[in-house]
Structures are given as C-alpha cells and as structure tokens.
Amino acid sequence: MSVRMNWLLVGLAALIAAAPMILGIEGEYGGADDQAKTAIEESGYQPWFSSIWEPPSGEVASMLFALQAALGAGVVGYVVGRLHGRRERQQ
C-alpha cells in the first residue's frame, strides 16, 4: 500500500469516529449487559446465592476487570511469543 492510501484510511477512520459528534447525533449507548440485566429482572429470576465479596466501588471493579484483561493479554502474548520462538529455532 502506498503512503497516500494509508493516510486516506486514517482520515476515513477519523471521519467515521467524529461523524456523530459533528452531526450532533445523540443516542443511548446501552450494551448487551444492560439488555440482559433488564431481561433477567423482568423474568423474576432469583439467584441461588450471593457473591462472596462485592467491590467497594465501581472504580475498584473496573480496576480489577482491567487487571484481569492485562494478565490475560500477557499470558496470551507470552504463549504466542514462545511458540514463535520455537518455530524460529526449528527452521
């Protein structure tokens, strides 16, 4: 690909990301989690047990989620790197 094509693609991506802000489009950006929670609450489901530990705040829960994602990415990266290195040594 040429440099011009790369810059065109970057500009297009920026335009797509900025279009809702430029056009003033407002919407509700609820995810699948919110829809699932609503469906569960409407069905009258009662959980069998409660959590052992509840995070003290949403920030702590977000930090733990980010830590879990980082550790998972580290493990996947390590495994892929080891497999790549093994294949390089065999050739």
Protein backbone atom coordinates (compact mmCIF):
# COMPACT_ATOMS: atom_id res chain seq x y z
CA MET A 1 0.00 0.00 0.00
CA SER A 2 1.15 3.47 -0.68
CA VAL A 3 1.60 6.24 1.84
CA ARG A 4 -1.31 8.11 0.28
CA MET A 5 -3.62 5.12 0.81
CA ASN A 6 -2.54 4.83 4.44
CA TRP A 7 -3.33 8.50 5.12
CA LEU A 8 -6.64 8.14 3.30
CA LEU A 9 -7.60 5.22 5.53
CA VAL A 10 -6.55 7.10 8.69
CA GLY A 11 -8.63 10.10 7.61
CA LEU A 12 -11.61 7.89 6.84
CA ALA A 13 -11.38 6.23 10.26
CA ALA A 14 -11.18 9.64 11.96
CA LEU A 15 -14.19 10.86 9.96
CA ILE A 16 -16.24 7.82 10.92
CA ALA A 17 -15.34 8.29 14.60
CA ALA A 18 -16.08 12.04 14.57
CA ALA A 19 -19.25 11.95 12.43
CA PRO A 20 -21.71 11.51 15.33
CA MET A 21 -20.15 14.45 17.19
CA ILE A 22 -20.07 16.68 14.12
CA LEU A 23 -23.65 15.89 13.14
CA GLY A 24 -24.89 16.24 16.71
CA ILE A 25 -26.34 12.75 16.80
CA GLU A 26 -27.38 11.81 20.30
CA GLY A 27 -28.32 8.35 21.32
CA GLU A 28 -28.38 5.94 24.15
CA TYR A 29 -25.42 3.64 24.03
CA GLY A 30 -26.52 0.75 26.18
CA GLY A 31 -24.78 -2.54 25.75
CA ALA A 32 -25.78 -6.17 25.83
CA ASP A 33 -25.12 -6.29 29.58
CA ASP A 34 -27.84 -3.73 30.22
CA GLN A 35 -30.29 -5.57 27.99
CA ALA A 36 -29.52 -8.90 29.70
CA LYS A 37 -29.92 -7.35 33.15
CA THR A 38 -33.31 -5.92 32.17
CA ALA A 39 -34.47 -9.25 30.74
CA ILE A 40 -33.40 -11.10 33.88
CA GLU A 41 -35.11 -8.60 36.17
CA GLU A 42 -38.34 -8.83 34.15
CA SER A 43 -38.36 -12.63 34.31
CA GLY A 44 -38.44 -12.66 38.11
CA TYR A 45 -35.30 -14.80 38.39
CA GLN A 46 -33.94 -15.18 41.92
CA PRO A 47 -30.21 -16.02 42.26
CA TRP A 48 -29.28 -19.18 44.15
CA PHE A 49 -26.52 -17.49 46.15
CA SER A 50 -24.86 -14.12 46.59
CA SER A 51 -21.30 -13.09 45.84
CA ILE A 52 -18.61 -13.84 48.41
CA TRP A 53 -17.12 -10.35 48.04
CA GLU A 54 -18.51 -7.19 46.50
CA PRO A 55 -16.04 -4.50 45.34
CA PRO A 56 -16.45 -1.34 47.43
CA SER A 57 -16.98 0.86 44.35
CA GLY A 58 -17.35 0.80 40.59
CA GLU A 59 -13.81 2.10 40.20
CA VAL A 60 -12.40 -0.89 42.07
CA ALA A 61 -14.49 -3.25 39.93
CA SER A 62 -13.21 -1.53 36.77
CA MET A 63 -9.62 -1.76 38.01
CA LEU A 64 -9.97 -5.47 38.72
CA PHE A 65 -11.50 -6.02 35.28
CA ALA A 66 -8.62 -4.13 33.64
CA LEU A 67 -6.09 -6.11 35.68
CA GLN A 68 -7.71 -9.36 34.60
CA ALA A 69 -7.62 -8.27 30.95
CA ALA A 70 -3.96 -7.23 31.23
CA LEU A 71 -2.96 -10.53 32.82
CA GLY A 72 -4.84 -12.46 30.15
CA ALA A 73 -3.20 -10.45 27.37
CA GLY A 74 0.19 -11.05 28.99
CA VAL A 75 -0.37 -14.81 29.11
CA VAL A 76 -1.55 -14.92 25.50
CA GLY A 77 1.40 -12.77 24.39
CA TYR A 78 3.86 -14.97 26.26
CA VAL A 79 2.45 -18.16 24.74
CA VAL A 80 2.42 -16.72 21.22
CA GLY A 81 5.99 -15.46 21.68
CA ARG A 82 7.19 -18.83 22.93
CA LEU A 83 5.54 -20.65 20.03
CA HIS A 84 7.01 -18.16 17.55
CA GLY A 85 10.47 -18.53 19.07
CA ARG A 86 10.22 -22.33 18.99
CA ARG A 87 9.26 -22.26 15.32
CA GLU A 88 12.13 -19.87 14.52
CA ARG A 89 14.65 -22.19 16.22
CA GLN A 90 13.37 -25.22 14.31
CA GLN A 91 13.94 -23.61 10.93
